[in-house]
Amino acid sequence: MINEQHTIYALFFDLHDPVTIEVGKLGTFFFPKGHYIYVGSAKRNIRARIERHIKVEKKKRWHIDYLRPYGEITKIVTYSSELEECERAQQLMKEVNGKIIVNGFGSSDCGCPSHLIYYA
């Protein structure tokens, strides 16, 4: 359920097959089969941002847009701004004992290693 008052979101999705894709200017990367979490934020209209991420066919604007066609979204969670986007990504990484497989994915505007979390 999307809470319109929230500003942070996490997309949980699965890749059923490994894939190598070009992620815009970030480069070309191998994504193993498995579970992923992408953490993002929307200062306003979080519902529209999430609905855009759900679509497969769209103009590619964010890093997640390049990976989205290959994955199946399994869950969407929204969060209050109690923790900022970076802190939430770090928290989720610890919770699932996740790994970073692409440096800079979803975190080009901050100092985080990545906002894409991989876990088996």
PDB file of N, CA and C in Angstrom:
ATOM      1  N   MET A   1       0.847  -1.184   0.000  1.00  0.00           N
ATOM      2  CA  MET A   1       0.000   0.000   0.000  1.00  0.00           C
ATOM      3  C   MET A   1       0.892   1.248   0.000  1.00  0.00           C
ATOM      4  N   ILE A   2       0.554   2.189  -0.817  1.00  0.00           N
ATOM      5  CA  ILE A   2       1.334   3.415  -0.929  1.00  0.00           C
ATOM      6  C   ILE A   2       0.748   4.473  -0.006  1.00  0.00           C
ATOM      7  N   ASN A   3       1.564   4.954   0.902  1.00  0.00           N
ATOM      8  CA  ASN A   3       1.148   6.034   1.790  1.00  0.00           C
ATOM      9  C   ASN A   3       1.594   7.352   1.158  1.00  0.00           C
ATOM     10  N   GLU A   4       0.651   8.189   0.787  1.00  0.00           N
ATOM     11  CA  GLU A   4       0.933   9.452   0.088  1.00  0.00           C
ATOM     12  C   GLU A   4       1.784  10.427   0.913  1.00  0.00           C
ATOM     13  N   GLN A   5       1.819  10.232   2.240  1.00  0.00           N
ATOM     14  CA  GLN A   5       2.601  11.113   3.109  1.00  0.00           C
ATOM     15  C   GLN A   5       4.075  10.711   3.163  1.00  0.00           C
ATOM     16  N   HIS A   6       4.381   9.525   2.705  1.00  0.00           N
ATOM     17  CA  HIS A   6       5.754   9.030   2.735  1.00  0.00           C
ATOM     18  C   HIS A   6       6.585   9.611   1.597  1.00  0.00           C
ATOM     19  N   THR A   7       7.894   9.605   1.771  1.00  0.00           N
ATOM     20  CA  THR A   7       8.785  10.153   0.740  1.00  0.00           C
ATOM     21  C   THR A   7       9.845   9.153   0.276  1.00  0.00           C
ATOM     22  N   ILE A   8       9.958   8.029   0.956  1.00  0.00           N
ATOM     23  CA  ILE A   8      10.951   7.010   0.612  1.00  0.00           C
ATOM     24  C   ILE A   8      10.214   5.746   0.203  1.00  0.00           C
ATOM     25  N   TYR A   9      10.756   5.025  -0.776  1.00  0.00           N
ATOM     26  CA  TYR A   9      10.133   3.776  -1.198  1.00  0.00           C
ATOM     27  C   TYR A   9      11.193   2.722  -1.482  1.00  0.00           C
ATOM     28  N   ALA A  10      10.772   1.475  -1.410  1.00  0.00           N
ATOM     29  CA  ALA A  10      11.628   0.347  -1.758  1.00  0.00           C
ATOM     30  C   ALA A  10      10.844  -0.575  -2.686  1.00  0.00           C
ATOM     31  N   LEU A  11      11.449  -0.865  -3.832  1.00  0.00           N
ATOM     32  CA  LEU A  11      10.876  -1.817  -4.766  1.00  0.00           C
ATOM     33  C   LEU A  11      11.607  -3.140  -4.573  1.00  0.00           C
ATOM     34  N   PHE A  12      10.896  -4.165  -4.218  1.00  0.00           N
ATOM     35  CA  PHE A  12      11.457  -5.501  -4.079  1.00  0.00           C
ATOM     36  C   PHE A  12      11.135  -6.239  -5.372  1.00  0.00           C
ATOM     37  N   PHE A  13      12.131  -6.801  -6.004  1.00  0.00           N
ATOM     38  CA  PHE A  13      11.868  -7.515  -7.243  1.00  0.00           C
ATOM     39  C   PHE A  13      12.832  -8.671  -7.433  1.00  0.00           C
ATOM     40  N   ASP A  14      12.435  -9.573  -8.311  1.00  0.00           N
ATOM     41  CA  ASP A  14      13.220 -10.766  -8.601  1.00  0.00           C
ATOM     42  C   ASP A  14      13.627 -10.773 -10.062  1.00  0.00           C
ATOM     43  N   LEU A  15      14.854 -11.209 -10.290  1.00  0.00           N
ATOM     44  CA  LEU A  15      15.312 -11.534 -11.641  1.00  0.00           C
ATOM     45  C   LEU A  15      15.318 -13.052 -11.713  1.00  0.00           C
ATOM     46  N   HIS A  16      14.561 -13.607 -12.643  1.00  0.00           N
ATOM     47  CA  HIS A  16      14.464 -15.061 -12.762  1.00  0.00           C
ATOM     48  C   HIS A  16      15.611 -15.637 -13.586  1.00  0.00           C
ATOM     49  N   ASP A  17      16.268 -14.777 -14.357  1.00  0.00           N
ATOM     50  CA  ASP A  17      17.407 -15.186 -15.168  1.00  0.00           C
ATOM     51  C   ASP A  17      18.497 -14.127 -15.045  1.00  0.00           C
ATOM     52  N   PRO A  18      19.757 -14.530 -15.125  1.00  0.00           N
ATOM     53  CA  PRO A  18      20.832 -13.536 -15.109  1.00  0.00           C
ATOM     54  C   PRO A  18      20.782 -12.718 -16.405  1.00  0.00           C
ATOM     55  N   VAL A  19      21.254 -11.480 -16.329  1.00  0.00           N
ATOM     56  CA  VAL A  19      21.211 -10.608 -17.503  1.00  0.00           C
ATOM     57  C   VAL A  19      22.381  -9.623 -17.455  1.00  0.00           C
ATOM     58  N   THR A  20      22.901  -9.296 -18.617  1.00  0.00           N
ATOM     59  CA  THR A  20      23.914  -8.249 -18.743  1.00  0.00           C
ATOM     60  C   THR A  20      23.251  -7.106 -19.497  1.00  0.00           C
ATOM     61  N   ILE A  21      23.252  -5.914 -18.890  1.00  0.00           N
ATOM     62  CA  ILE A  21      22.606  -4.771 -19.536  1.00  0.00           C
ATOM     63  C   ILE A  21      23.457  -3.516 -19.397  1.00  0.00           C
ATOM     64  N   GLU A  22      23.225  -2.602 -20.314  1.00  0.00           N
ATOM     65  CA  GLU A  22      23.853  -1.286 -20.252  1.00  0.00           C
ATOM     66  C   GLU A  22      22.915  -0.387 -19.457  1.00  0.00           C
ATOM     67  N   VAL A  23      23.443   0.214 -18.404  1.00  0.00           N
ATOM     68  CA  VAL A  23      22.660   1.072 -17.520  1.00  0.00           C
ATOM     69  C   VAL A  23      23.056   2.517 -17.807  1.00  0.00           C
ATOM     70  N   GLY A  24      22.502   3.065 -18.882  1.00  0.00           N
ATOM     71  CA  GLY A  24      22.791   4.448 -19.244  1.00  0.00           C
ATOM     72  C   GLY A  24      24.280   4.737 -19.284  1.00  0.00           C
ATOM     73  N   LYS A  25      24.662   5.877 -18.728  1.00  0.00           N
ATOM     74  CA  LYS A  25      26.065   6.298 -18.701  1.00  0.00           C
ATOM     75  C   LYS A  25      26.880   5.580 -17.624  1.00  0.00           C
ATOM     76  N   LEU A  26      26.197   4.825 -16.768  1.00  0.00           N
ATOM     77  CA  LEU A  26      26.875   4.112 -15.683  1.00  0.00           C
ATOM     78  C   LEU A  26      27.758   2.993 -16.218  1.00  0.00           C
ATOM     79  N   GLY A  27      27.318   2.349 -17.298  1.00  0.00           N
ATOM     80  CA  GLY A  27      28.101   1.277 -17.904  1.00  0.00           C
ATOM     81  C   GLY A  27      27.302   0.005 -18.094  1.00  0.00           C
ATOM     82  N   THR A  28      28.007  -1.064 -18.489  1.00  0.00           N
ATOM     83  CA  THR A  28      27.389  -2.364 -18.730  1.00  0.00           C
ATOM     84  C   THR A  28      27.733  -3.280 -17.568  1.00  0.00           C
ATOM     85  N   PHE A  29      26.719  -3.965 -17.051  1.00  0.00           N
ATOM     86  CA  PHE A  29      26.894  -4.774 -15.843  1.00  0.00           C
ATOM     87  C   PHE A  29      26.151  -6.101 -15.949  1.00  0.00           C
ATOM     88  N   PHE A  30      26.686  -7.085 -15.246  1.00  0.00           N
ATOM     89  CA  PHE A  30      26.054  -8.396 -15.113  1.00  0.00           C
ATOM     90  C   PHE A  30      25.224  -8.401 -13.835  1.00  0.00           C
ATOM     91  N   PHE A  31      23.964  -8.778 -13.962  1.00  0.00           N
ATOM     92  CA  PHE A  31      23.051  -8.890 -12.825  1.00  0.00           C
ATOM     93  C   PHE A  31      22.691 -10.359 -12.657  1.00  0.00           C
ATOM     94  N   PRO A  32      23.133 -10.980 -11.569  1.00  0.00           N
ATOM     95  CA  PRO A  32      22.789 -12.392 -11.364  1.00  0.00           C
ATOM     96  C   PRO A  32      21.318 -12.570 -11.037  1.00  0.00           C
ATOM     97  N   LYS A  33      20.842 -13.750 -11.294  1.00  0.00           N
ATOM     98  CA  LYS A  33      19.484 -14.133 -10.912  1.00  0.00           C
ATOM     99  C   LYS A  33      19.379 -14.005  -9.399  1.00  0.00           C
ATOM    100  N   GLY A  34      18.229 -13.556  -8.908  1.00  0.00           N
ATOM    101  CA  GLY A  34      18.044 -13.450  -7.463  1.00  0.00           C
ATOM    102  C   GLY A  34      17.110 -12.327  -7.074  1.00  0.00           C
ATOM    103  N   HIS A  35      17.198 -11.944  -5.815  1.00  0.00           N
ATOM    104  CA  HIS A  35      16.324 -10.922  -5.241  1.00  0.00           C
ATOM    105  C   HIS A  35      17.049  -9.584  -5.177  1.00  0.00           C
ATOM    106  N   TYR A  36      16.297  -8.516  -5.407  1.00  0.00           N
ATOM    107  CA  TYR A  36      16.845  -7.162  -5.388  1.00  0.00           C
ATOM    108  C   TYR A  36      15.902  -6.228  -4.650  1.00  0.00           C
ATOM    109  N   ILE A  37      16.477  -5.183  -4.101  1.00  0.00           N
ATOM    110  CA  ILE A  37      15.701  -4.073  -3.541  1.00  0.00           C
ATOM    111  C   ILE A  37      16.292  -2.800  -4.123  1.00  0.00           C
ATOM    112  N   TYR A  38      15.420  -1.960  -4.648  1.00  0.00           N
ATOM    113  CA  TYR A  38      15.841  -0.640  -5.123  1.00  0.00           C
ATOM    114  C   TYR A  38      15.196   0.392  -4.202  1.00  0.00           C
ATOM    115  N   VAL A  39      16.015   1.266  -3.628  1.00  0.00           N
ATOM    116  CA  VAL A  39      15.520   2.290  -2.711  1.00  0.00           C
ATOM    117  C   VAL A  39      15.571   3.643  -3.411  1.00  0.00           C
ATOM    118  N   GLY A  40      14.456   4.360  -3.357  1.00  0.00           N
ATOM    119  CA  GLY A  40      14.379   5.676  -3.976  1.00  0.00           C
ATOM    120  C   GLY A  40      13.577   6.633  -3.114  1.00  0.00           C
ATOM    121  N   SER A  41      13.447   7.857  -3.613  1.00  0.00           N
ATOM    122  CA  SER A  41      12.666   8.857  -2.888  1.00  0.00           C
ATOM    123  C   SER A  41      11.905   9.735  -3.867  1.00  0.00           C
ATOM    124  N   ALA A  42      10.860  10.319  -3.355  1.00  0.00           N
ATOM    125  CA  ALA A  42      10.045  11.264  -4.123  1.00  0.00           C
ATOM    126  C   ALA A  42       9.552  12.318  -3.137  1.00  0.00           C
ATOM    127  N   LYS A  43      10.033  13.512  -3.269  1.00  0.00           N
ATOM    128  CA  LYS A  43       9.649  14.579  -2.331  1.00  0.00           C
ATOM    129  C   LYS A  43       8.167  14.915  -2.434  1.00  0.00           C
ATOM    130  N   ARG A  44       7.616  14.714  -3.634  1.00  0.00           N
ATOM    131  CA  ARG A  44       6.183  14.921  -3.818  1.00  0.00           C
ATOM    132  C   ARG A  44       5.653  13.877  -4.791  1.00  0.00           C
ATOM    133  N   ASN A  45       4.412  13.522  -4.630  1.00  0.00           N
ATOM    134  CA  ASN A  45       3.702  12.569  -5.489  1.00  0.00           C
ATOM    135  C   ASN A  45       4.420  11.223  -5.619  1.00  0.00           C
ATOM    136  N   ILE A  46       4.621  10.583  -4.498  1.00  0.00           N
ATOM    137  CA  ILE A  46       5.287   9.286  -4.464  1.00  0.00           C
ATOM    138  C   ILE A  46       4.526   8.234  -5.276  1.00  0.00           C
ATOM    139  N   ARG A  47       3.200   8.341  -5.294  1.00  0.00           N
ATOM    140  CA  ARG A  47       2.392   7.382  -6.054  1.00  0.00           C
ATOM    141  C   ARG A  47       2.744   7.421  -7.540  1.00  0.00           C
ATOM    142  N   ALA A  48       2.879   8.599  -8.106  1.00  0.00           N
ATOM    143  CA  ALA A  48       3.210   8.725  -9.527  1.00  0.00           C
ATOM    144  C   ALA A  48       4.596   8.144  -9.818  1.00  0.00           C
ATOM    145  N   ARG A  49       5.545   8.381  -8.918  1.00  0.00           N
ATOM    146  CA  ARG A  49       6.894   7.847  -9.113  1.00  0.00           C
ATOM    147  C   ARG A  49       6.874   6.322  -9.116  1.00  0.00           C
ATOM    148  N   ILE A  50       6.184   5.742  -8.157  1.00  0.00           N
ATOM    149  CA  ILE A  50       6.117   4.281  -8.069  1.00  0.00           C
ATOM    150  C   ILE A  50       5.366   3.701  -9.263  1.00  0.00           C
ATOM    151  N   GLU A  51       4.271   4.321  -9.644  1.00  0.00           N
ATOM    152  CA  GLU A  51       3.512   3.836 -10.803  1.00  0.00           C
ATOM    153  C   GLU A  51       4.363   3.879 -12.067  1.00  0.00           C
ATOM    154  N   ARG A  52       5.220   4.882 -12.176  1.00  0.00           N
ATOM    155  CA  ARG A  52       6.131   4.960 -13.312  1.00  0.00           C
ATOM    156  C   ARG A  52       7.122   3.799 -13.274  1.00  0.00           C
ATOM    157  N   HIS A  53       7.663   3.522 -12.102  1.00  0.00           N
ATOM    158  CA  HIS A  53       8.616   2.421 -11.965  1.00  0.00           C
ATOM    159  C   HIS A  53       7.982   1.069 -12.293  1.00  0.00           C
ATOM    160  N   ILE A  54       6.704   0.925 -12.020  1.00  0.00           N
ATOM    161  CA  ILE A  54       6.007  -0.341 -12.300  1.00  0.00           C
ATOM    162  C   ILE A  54       5.932  -0.595 -13.801  1.00  0.00           C
ATOM    163  N   LYS A  55       5.753   0.450 -14.594  1.00  0.00           N
ATOM    164  CA  LYS A  55       5.657   0.309 -16.051  1.00  0.00           C
ATOM    165  C   LYS A  55       6.963  -0.236 -16.619  1.00  0.00           C
ATOM    166  N   VAL A  56       6.824  -1.073 -17.620  1.00  0.00           N
ATOM    167  CA  VAL A  56       8.005  -1.638 -18.274  1.00  0.00           C
ATOM    168  C   VAL A  56       8.407  -0.768 -19.464  1.00  0.00           C
ATOM    169  N   GLU A  57       7.436  -0.385 -20.267  1.00  0.00           N
ATOM    170  CA  GLU A  57       7.697   0.436 -21.448  1.00  0.00           C
ATOM    171  C   GLU A  57       7.650   1.911 -21.079  1.00  0.00           C
ATOM    172  N   LYS A  58       8.794   2.583 -21.161  1.00  0.00           N
ATOM    173  CA  LYS A  58       8.864   4.013 -20.833  1.00  0.00           C
ATOM    174  C   LYS A  58      10.218   4.547 -21.271  1.00  0.00           C
ATOM    175  N   LYS A  59      10.329   5.848 -21.319  1.00  0.00           N
ATOM    176  CA  LYS A  59      11.615   6.473 -21.592  1.00  0.00           C
ATOM    177  C   LYS A  59      12.504   6.234 -20.373  1.00  0.00           C
ATOM    178  N   LYS A  60      13.725   5.852 -20.619  1.00  0.00           N
ATOM    179  CA  LYS A  60      14.638   5.551 -19.516  1.00  0.00           C
ATOM    180  C   LYS A  60      15.224   6.838 -18.943  1.00  0.00           C
ATOM    181  N   ARG A  61      14.947   7.046 -17.657  1.00  0.00           N
ATOM    182  CA  ARG A  61      15.375   8.266 -16.978  1.00  0.00           C
ATOM    183  C   ARG A  61      16.259   7.958 -15.773  1.00  0.00           C
ATOM    184  N   TRP A  62      15.891   6.917 -15.017  1.00  0.00           N
ATOM    185  CA  TRP A  62      16.633   6.517 -13.821  1.00  0.00           C
ATOM    186  C   TRP A  62      17.295   5.176 -14.080  1.00  0.00           C
ATOM    187  N   HIS A  63      18.310   4.872 -13.290  1.00  0.00           N
ATOM    188  CA  HIS A  63      19.022   3.599 -13.444  1.00  0.00           C
ATOM    189  C   HIS A  63      18.069   2.408 -13.390  1.00  0.00           C
ATOM    190  N   ILE A  64      17.100   2.448 -12.494  1.00  0.00           N
ATOM    191  CA  ILE A  64      16.164   1.336 -12.341  1.00  0.00           C
ATOM    192  C   ILE A  64      15.359   1.088 -13.621  1.00  0.00           C
ATOM    193  N   ASP A  65      15.179   2.109 -14.441  1.00  0.00           N
ATOM    194  CA  ASP A  65      14.430   1.954 -15.691  1.00  0.00           C
ATOM    195  C   ASP A  65      15.096   0.953 -16.640  1.00  0.00           C
ATOM    196  N   TYR A  66      16.405   0.831 -16.557  1.00  0.00           N
ATOM    197  CA  TYR A  66      17.138  -0.092 -17.425  1.00  0.00           C
ATOM    198  C   TYR A  66      17.000  -1.539 -16.954  1.00  0.00           C
ATOM    199  N   LEU A  67      16.900  -1.728 -15.655  1.00  0.00           N
ATOM    200  CA  LEU A  67      16.799  -3.067 -15.080  1.00  0.00           C
ATOM    201  C   LEU A  67      15.355  -3.564 -15.000  1.00  0.00           C
ATOM    202  N   ARG A  68      14.425  -2.659 -14.862  1.00  0.00           N
ATOM    203  CA  ARG A  68      13.008  -2.994 -14.635  1.00  0.00           C
ATOM    204  C   ARG A  68      12.425  -3.997 -15.634  1.00  0.00           C
ATOM    205  N   PRO A  69      12.696  -3.900 -16.937  1.00  0.00           N
ATOM    206  CA  PRO A  69      12.074  -4.856 -17.868  1.00  0.00           C
ATOM    207  C   PRO A  69      12.460  -6.313 -17.621  1.00  0.00           C
ATOM    208  N   TYR A  70      13.522  -6.542 -16.889  1.00  0.00           N
ATOM    209  CA  TYR A  70      14.009  -7.899 -16.666  1.00  0.00           C
ATOM    210  C   TYR A  70      13.551  -8.496 -15.337  1.00  0.00           C
ATOM    211  N   GLY A  71      12.918  -7.671 -14.504  1.00  0.00           N
ATOM    212  CA  GLY A  71      12.541  -8.137 -13.176  1.00  0.00           C
ATOM    213  C   GLY A  71      11.042  -8.104 -12.936  1.00  0.00           C
ATOM    214  N   GLU A  72      10.627  -8.904 -11.968  1.00  0.00           N
ATOM    215  CA  GLU A  72       9.225  -8.942 -11.550  1.00  0.00           C
ATOM    216  C   GLU A  72       9.119  -8.318 -10.160  1.00  0.00           C
ATOM    217  N   ILE A  73       8.350  -7.242 -10.056  1.00  0.00           N
ATOM    218  CA  ILE A  73       8.163  -6.594  -8.758  1.00  0.00           C
ATOM    219  C   ILE A  73       7.316  -7.501  -7.879  1.00  0.00           C
ATOM    220  N   THR A  74       7.826  -7.773  -6.676  1.00  0.00           N
ATOM    221  CA  THR A  74       7.133  -8.672  -5.753  1.00  0.00           C
ATOM    222  C   THR A  74       6.501  -7.930  -4.579  1.00  0.00           C
ATOM    223  N   LYS A  75       7.042  -6.737  -4.287  1.00  0.00           N
ATOM    224  CA  LYS A  75       6.515  -5.968  -3.146  1.00  0.00           C
ATOM    225  C   LYS A  75       6.991  -4.530  -3.282  1.00  0.00           C
ATOM    226  N   ILE A  76       6.167  -3.612  -2.798  1.00  0.00           N
ATOM    227  CA  ILE A  76       6.514  -2.194  -2.740  1.00  0.00           C
ATOM    228  C   ILE A  76       6.217  -1.711  -1.330  1.00  0.00           C
ATOM    229  N   VAL A  77       7.189  -1.073  -0.712  1.00  0.00           N
ATOM    230  CA  VAL A  77       7.008  -0.548   0.640  1.00  0.00           C
ATOM    231  C   VAL A  77       7.372   0.927   0.622  1.00  0.00           C
ATOM    232  N   THR A  78       6.538   1.747   1.275  1.00  0.00           N
ATOM    233  CA  THR A  78       6.875   3.166   1.422  1.00  0.00           C
ATOM    234  C   THR A  78       7.218   3.439   2.885  1.00  0.00           C
ATOM    235  N   TYR A  79       8.039   4.478   3.077  1.00  0.00           N
ATOM    236  CA  TYR A  79       8.518   4.816   4.410  1.00  0.00           C
ATOM    237  C   TYR A  79       8.405   6.322   4.633  1.00  0.00           C
ATOM    238  N   SER A  80       8.230   6.697   5.894  1.00  0.00           N
ATOM    239  CA  SER A  80       8.257   8.114   6.252  1.00  0.00           C
ATOM    240  C   SER A  80       9.691   8.603   6.101  1.00  0.00           C
ATOM    241  N   SER A  81       9.894   9.882   6.284  1.00  0.00           N
ATOM    242  CA  SER A  81      11.241  10.452   6.148  1.00  0.00           C
ATOM    243  C   SER A  81      12.024  10.361   7.457  1.00  0.00           C
ATOM    244  N   GLU A  82      11.579   9.491   8.349  1.00  0.00           N
ATOM    245  CA  GLU A  82      12.287   9.266   9.611  1.00  0.00           C
ATOM    246  C   GLU A  82      13.757   8.913   9.332  1.00  0.00           C
ATOM    247  N   LEU A  83      13.978   8.090   8.319  1.00  0.00           N
ATOM    248  CA  LEU A  83      15.324   7.824   7.811  1.00  0.00           C
ATOM    249  C   LEU A  83      15.374   8.359   6.385  1.00  0.00           C
ATOM    250  N   GLU A  84      16.465   9.001   6.027  1.00  0.00           N
ATOM    251  CA  GLU A  84      16.627   9.483   4.657  1.00  0.00           C
ATOM    252  C   GLU A  84      16.843   8.285   3.725  1.00  0.00           C
ATOM    253  N   GLU A  85      16.763   8.535   2.431  1.00  0.00           N
ATOM    254  CA  GLU A  85      16.912   7.496   1.418  1.00  0.00           C
ATOM    255  C   GLU A  85      18.191   6.671   1.627  1.00  0.00           C
ATOM    256  N   CYS A  86      19.304   7.332   1.844  1.00  0.00           N
ATOM    257  CA  CYS A  86      20.591   6.648   2.022  1.00  0.00           C
ATOM    258  C   CYS A  86      20.590   5.777   3.275  1.00  0.00           C
ATOM    259  N   GLU A  87      20.059   6.314   4.352  1.00  0.00           N
ATOM    260  CA  GLU A  87      19.998   5.557   5.610  1.00  0.00           C
ATOM    261  C   GLU A  87      19.078   4.346   5.469  1.00  0.00           C
ATOM    262  N   ARG A  88      17.968   4.515   4.756  1.00  0.00           N
ATOM    263  CA  ARG A  88      17.027   3.411   4.547  1.00  0.00           C
ATOM    264  C   ARG A  88      17.688   2.311   3.708  1.00  0.00           C
ATOM    265  N   ALA A  89      18.432   2.713   2.690  1.00  0.00           N
ATOM    266  CA  ALA A  89      19.131   1.722   1.863  1.00  0.00           C
ATOM    267  C   ALA A  89      20.126   0.934   2.712  1.00  0.00           C
ATOM    268  N   GLN A  90      20.852   1.618   3.573  1.00  0.00           N
ATOM    269  CA  GLN A  90      21.822   0.941   4.445  1.00  0.00           C
ATOM    270  C   GLN A  90      21.108   0.002   5.419  1.00  0.00           C
ATOM    271  N   GLN A  91      19.979   0.448   5.963  1.00  0.00           N
ATOM    272  CA  GLN A  91      19.216  -0.376   6.893  1.00  0.00           C
ATOM    273  C   GLN A  91      18.731  -1.655   6.205  1.00  0.00           C
ATOM    274  N   LEU A  92      18.160  -1.511   5.008  1.00  0.00           N
ATOM    275  CA  LEU A  92      17.651  -2.673   4.278  1.00  0.00           C
ATOM    276  C   LEU A  92      18.790  -3.609   3.881  1.00  0.00           C
ATOM    277  N   MET A  93      19.927  -3.044   3.524  1.00  0.00           N
ATOM    278  CA  MET A  93      21.099  -3.849   3.167  1.00  0.00           C
ATOM    279  C   MET A  93      21.472  -4.766   4.337  1.00  0.00           C
ATOM    280  N   LYS A  94      21.480  -4.204   5.547  1.00  0.00           N
ATOM    281  CA  LYS A  94      21.812  -4.995   6.739  1.00  0.00           C
ATOM    282  C   LYS A  94      20.736  -6.037   7.024  1.00  0.00           C
ATOM    283  N   GLU A  95      19.468  -5.643   6.889  1.00  0.00           N
ATOM    284  CA  GLU A  95      18.354  -6.555   7.195  1.00  0.00           C
ATOM    285  C   GLU A  95      18.389  -7.830   6.357  1.00  0.00           C
ATOM    286  N   VAL A  96      18.731  -7.690   5.078  1.00  0.00           N
ATOM    287  CA  VAL A  96      18.706  -8.847   4.175  1.00  0.00           C
ATOM    288  C   VAL A  96      20.097  -9.423   3.935  1.00  0.00           C
ATOM    289  N   ASN A  97      21.103  -8.864   4.647  1.00  0.00           N
ATOM    290  CA  ASN A  97      22.489  -9.281   4.438  1.00  0.00           C
ATOM    291  C   ASN A  97      22.839  -9.166   2.954  1.00  0.00           C
ATOM    292  N   GLY A  98      22.510  -7.995   2.397  1.00  0.00           N
ATOM    293  CA  GLY A  98      22.652  -7.773   0.973  1.00  0.00           C
ATOM    294  C   GLY A  98      24.057  -7.438   0.522  1.00  0.00           C
ATOM    295  N   LYS A  99      24.196  -7.393  -0.789  1.00  0.00           N
ATOM    296  CA  LYS A  99      25.468  -7.067  -1.429  1.00  0.00           C
ATOM    297  C   LYS A  99      25.245  -5.965  -2.447  1.00  0.00           C
ATOM    298  N   ILE A 100      26.305  -5.229  -2.702  1.00  0.00           N
ATOM    299  CA  ILE A 100      26.299  -4.241  -3.784  1.00  0.00           C
ATOM    300  C   ILE A 100      26.960  -4.899  -4.978  1.00  0.00           C
ATOM    301  N   ILE A 101      26.258  -4.919  -6.100  1.00  0.00           N
ATOM    302  CA  ILE A 101      26.862  -5.501  -7.293  1.00  0.00           C
ATOM    303  C   ILE A 101      27.124  -4.454  -8.376  1.00  0.00           C
ATOM    304  N   VAL A 102      26.513  -3.260  -8.227  1.00  0.00           N
ATOM    305  CA  VAL A 102      26.774  -2.173  -9.171  1.00  0.00           C
ATOM    306  C   VAL A 102      26.974  -0.888  -8.382  1.00  0.00           C
ATOM    307  N   ASN A 103      28.204  -0.438  -8.311  1.00  0.00           N
ATOM    308  CA  ASN A 103      28.497   0.824  -7.625  1.00  0.00           C
ATOM    309  C   ASN A 103      27.855   1.987  -8.364  1.00  0.00           C
ATOM    310  N   GLY A 104      27.229   2.872  -7.606  1.00  0.00           N
ATOM    311  CA  GLY A 104      26.623   4.069  -8.176  1.00  0.00           C
ATOM    312  C   GLY A 104      25.202   3.897  -8.677  1.00  0.00           C
ATOM    313  N   PHE A 105      24.656   2.699  -8.611  1.00  0.00           N
ATOM    314  CA  PHE A 105      23.304   2.449  -9.113  1.00  0.00           C
ATOM    315  C   PHE A 105      22.295   3.151  -8.209  1.00  0.00           C
ATOM    316  N   GLY A 106      21.592   4.125  -8.767  1.00  0.00           N
ATOM    317  CA  GLY A 106      20.574   4.858  -8.026  1.00  0.00           C
ATOM    318  C   GLY A 106      21.121   5.831  -7.006  1.00  0.00           C
ATOM    319  N   SER A 107      22.431   6.018  -6.997  1.00  0.00           N
ATOM    320  CA  SER A 107      23.030   6.884  -5.980  1.00  0.00           C
ATOM    321  C   SER A 107      23.991   7.899  -6.591  1.00  0.00           C
ATOM    322  N   SER A 108      23.687   8.345  -7.783  1.00  0.00           N
ATOM    323  CA  SER A 108      24.580   9.301  -8.453  1.00  0.00           C
ATOM    324  C   SER A 108      24.511  10.700  -7.835  1.00  0.00           C
ATOM    325  N   ASP A 109      23.486  10.958  -7.021  1.00  0.00           N
ATOM    326  CA  ASP A 109      23.355  12.286  -6.411  1.00  0.00           C
ATOM    327  C   ASP A 109      23.689  12.275  -4.915  1.00  0.00           C
ATOM    328  N   CYS A 110      24.366  11.222  -4.454  1.00  0.00           N
ATOM    329  CA  CYS A 110      24.773  11.154  -3.045  1.00  0.00           C
ATOM    330  C   CYS A 110      26.101  10.411  -2.954  1.00  0.00           C
ATOM    331  N   GLY A 111      26.563  10.203  -1.768  1.00  0.00           N
ATOM    332  CA  GLY A 111      27.846   9.539  -1.585  1.00  0.00           C
ATOM    333  C   GLY A 111      27.746   8.048  -1.326  1.00  0.00           C
ATOM    334  N   CYS A 112      26.573   7.481  -1.440  1.00  0.00           N
ATOM    335  CA  CYS A 112      26.386   6.055  -1.171  1.00  0.00           C
ATOM    336  C   CYS A 112      27.008   5.201  -2.269  1.00  0.00           C
ATOM    337  N   PRO A 113      27.434   4.002  -1.894  1.00  0.00           N
ATOM    338  CA  PRO A 113      27.957   3.094  -2.910  1.00  0.00           C
ATOM    339  C   PRO A 113      26.870   2.670  -3.909  1.00  0.00           C
ATOM    340  N   SER A 114      25.633   2.468  -3.436  1.00  0.00           N
ATOM    341  CA  SER A 114      24.549   2.022  -4.307  1.00  0.00           C
ATOM    342  C   SER A 114      23.224   2.067  -3.547  1.00  0.00           C
ATOM    343  N   HIS A 115      22.133   2.233  -4.300  1.00  0.00           N
ATOM    344  CA  HIS A 115      20.799   2.111  -3.714  1.00  0.00           C
ATOM    345  C   HIS A 115      20.093   0.878  -4.282  1.00  0.00           C
ATOM    346  N   LEU A 116      20.896   0.018  -4.919  1.00  0.00           N
ATOM    347  CA  LEU A 116      20.394  -1.272  -5.400  1.00  0.00           C
ATOM    348  C   LEU A 116      21.057  -2.351  -4.559  1.00  0.00           C
ATOM    349  N   ILE A 117      20.233  -3.174  -3.930  1.00  0.00           N
ATOM    350  CA  ILE A 117      20.699  -4.215  -3.022  1.00  0.00           C
ATOM    351  C   ILE A 117      20.382  -5.572  -3.648  1.00  0.00           C
ATOM    352  N   TYR A 118      21.383  -6.432  -3.651  1.00  0.00           N
ATOM    353  CA  TYR A 118      21.197  -7.803  -4.153  1.00  0.00           C
ATOM    354  C   TYR A 118      21.286  -8.763  -2.984  1.00  0.00           C
ATOM    355  N   TYR A 119      20.385  -9.737  -2.946  1.00  0.00           N
ATOM    356  CA  TYR A 119      20.475 -10.787  -1.942  1.00  0.00           C
ATOM    357  C   TYR A 119      19.904 -12.082  -2.506  1.00  0.00           C
ATOM    358  N   ALA A 120      20.432 -13.193  -2.034  1.00  0.00           N
ATOM    359  CA  ALA A 120      20.020 -14.492  -2.574  1.00  0.00           C
ATOM    360  C   ALA A 120      18.837 -15.059  -1.826  1.00  0.00           C
TER     361      ALA A 120
END
